[in-house]
Amino acid sequence: MRRRRVAVLYSHPLFGCGIAQLLSRDEQFDVACLESGDAAESALAMTPGTDAIVVEDGTEPDTIDRVIQALPPVLVVVVSLQDNGLKVYQGRRRLHPHSEDLPDLIHEVLAVSAGHAPATPVATTESVVQRAVG
């Protein structure tokens, strides 16, 4: 099985280091940490093969929307430090995976996207990116 490339996009270094350390314990993940901002988003867009991006909720306005819109349909996991919650997106669709453990959640969703069905299916909702009708 190939190693999965996971990028951690953060504004608080403690968040970035903590999440990167947690994910690095899994031998199937190659983890890179990037401080959020235009340079990080450009680096992600230019780096082929990124399987998942973990984003700190509240990094900066519109960061999550820009990441979802600018990149190919990769797995984006938004982690909230305030409520300890996770929001998961595949491309522009919101997912509701059953796992709440971050490494397990990433494995679960990537398995589904690769065509391997998990024990319980991942539910989806409508697009998370709303387009204004002009």
Foldseek 3Di string as FASTA:
>chain_A
DAAAEEEEEAQDVVVQVVVQVVLVVDPSYDYHYDHDDPVVLVVVQVDPRHAEYEYEPPSDPCRVVCSLVRHQQHWYWYAYPVVRAIWIGGRQKTKDDPDSDVNVRSVQVSCVVVPHHDPDHIDIDDGPDDDDDD
